Amino acid sequence: MRIILIFGAVLSTMLAAYKWRYKIVNMLLAVSVLRKLGVIITMNIPSIKNKFLSNLFKKSSIG
């Protein structure tokens, strides 16, 4: 019985977090320390860093 209650509580928390995921992310990103920490962690992942930097310094065909 206890396992069912724990499972239900975890499932309810996950569903609520999914429903309000954008509001939660916006609240977290409003805190500058958390925003900087998120950028630092993200830029330490090689695949994300390479994709971001390649798009940032890509030569534009316009002009």
Protein backbone atom coordinates (compact mmCIF):
# COMPACT_ATOMS: atom_id res chain seq x y z
CA MET A 1 0.00 0.00 0.00
CA ARG A 2 2.85 2.36 0.85
CA ILE A 3 4.50 1.75 -2.54
CA ILE A 4 1.26 2.62 -4.35
CA LEU A 5 1.01 5.92 -2.46
CA ILE A 6 4.63 6.80 -3.21
CA PHE A 7 4.15 5.88 -6.87
CA GLY A 8 1.00 8.01 -7.05
CA ALA A 9 2.74 10.98 -5.45
CA VAL A 10 5.71 10.72 -7.83
CA LEU A 11 3.41 10.37 -10.83
CA SER A 12 1.32 13.37 -9.75
CA THR A 13 4.47 15.47 -9.30
CA MET A 14 5.76 14.49 -12.73
CA LEU A 15 2.43 15.31 -14.39
CA ALA A 16 2.24 18.70 -12.67
CA ALA A 17 5.84 19.49 -13.65
CA TYR A 18 5.08 18.53 -17.25
CA LYS A 19 1.94 20.65 -17.33
CA TRP A 20 3.69 23.76 -15.99
CA ARG A 21 7.15 23.05 -17.45
CA TYR A 22 7.50 26.40 -19.24
CA LYS A 23 6.48 28.40 -16.18
CA ILE A 24 8.94 26.41 -14.07
CA VAL A 25 11.77 26.97 -16.55
CA ASN A 26 11.00 30.70 -16.77
CA MET A 27 11.05 30.99 -12.98
CA LEU A 28 14.39 29.18 -12.79
CA LEU A 29 15.93 31.24 -15.59
CA ALA A 30 14.85 34.46 -13.89
CA VAL A 31 17.48 33.76 -11.20
CA SER A 32 20.81 34.92 -12.65
CA VAL A 33 22.93 32.40 -10.70
CA LEU A 34 20.84 29.49 -11.97
CA ARG A 35 20.92 30.88 -15.52
CA LYS A 36 24.73 31.16 -15.45
CA LEU A 37 25.03 27.68 -13.96
CA GLY A 38 22.79 26.29 -16.71
CA VAL A 39 24.93 27.88 -19.42
CA ILE A 40 28.14 26.57 -17.84
CA ILE A 41 26.76 23.04 -17.58
CA THR A 42 25.35 23.13 -21.12
CA MET A 43 28.58 24.41 -22.65
CA ASN A 44 30.49 21.54 -21.00
CA ILE A 45 28.56 19.03 -23.13
CA PRO A 46 30.65 18.67 -26.32
CA SER A 47 27.84 17.92 -28.78
CA ILE A 48 25.75 20.91 -27.69
CA LYS A 49 28.80 23.18 -27.59
CA ASN A 50 29.89 22.20 -31.12
CA LYS A 51 26.40 22.64 -32.55
CA PHE A 52 25.95 26.03 -30.88
CA LEU A 53 29.35 27.38 -31.88
CA SER A 54 29.03 26.16 -35.47
CA ASN A 55 25.69 27.97 -35.83
CA LEU A 56 27.03 31.08 -34.11
CA PHE A 57 30.02 31.53 -36.40
CA LYS A 58 28.43 30.25 -39.62
CA LYS A 59 28.96 32.55 -42.60
CA SER A 60 25.75 34.10 -43.80
CA SER A 61 24.82 33.84 -47.49
CA ILE A 62 22.79 37.06 -47.24
CA GLY A 63 24.54 40.22 -48.38
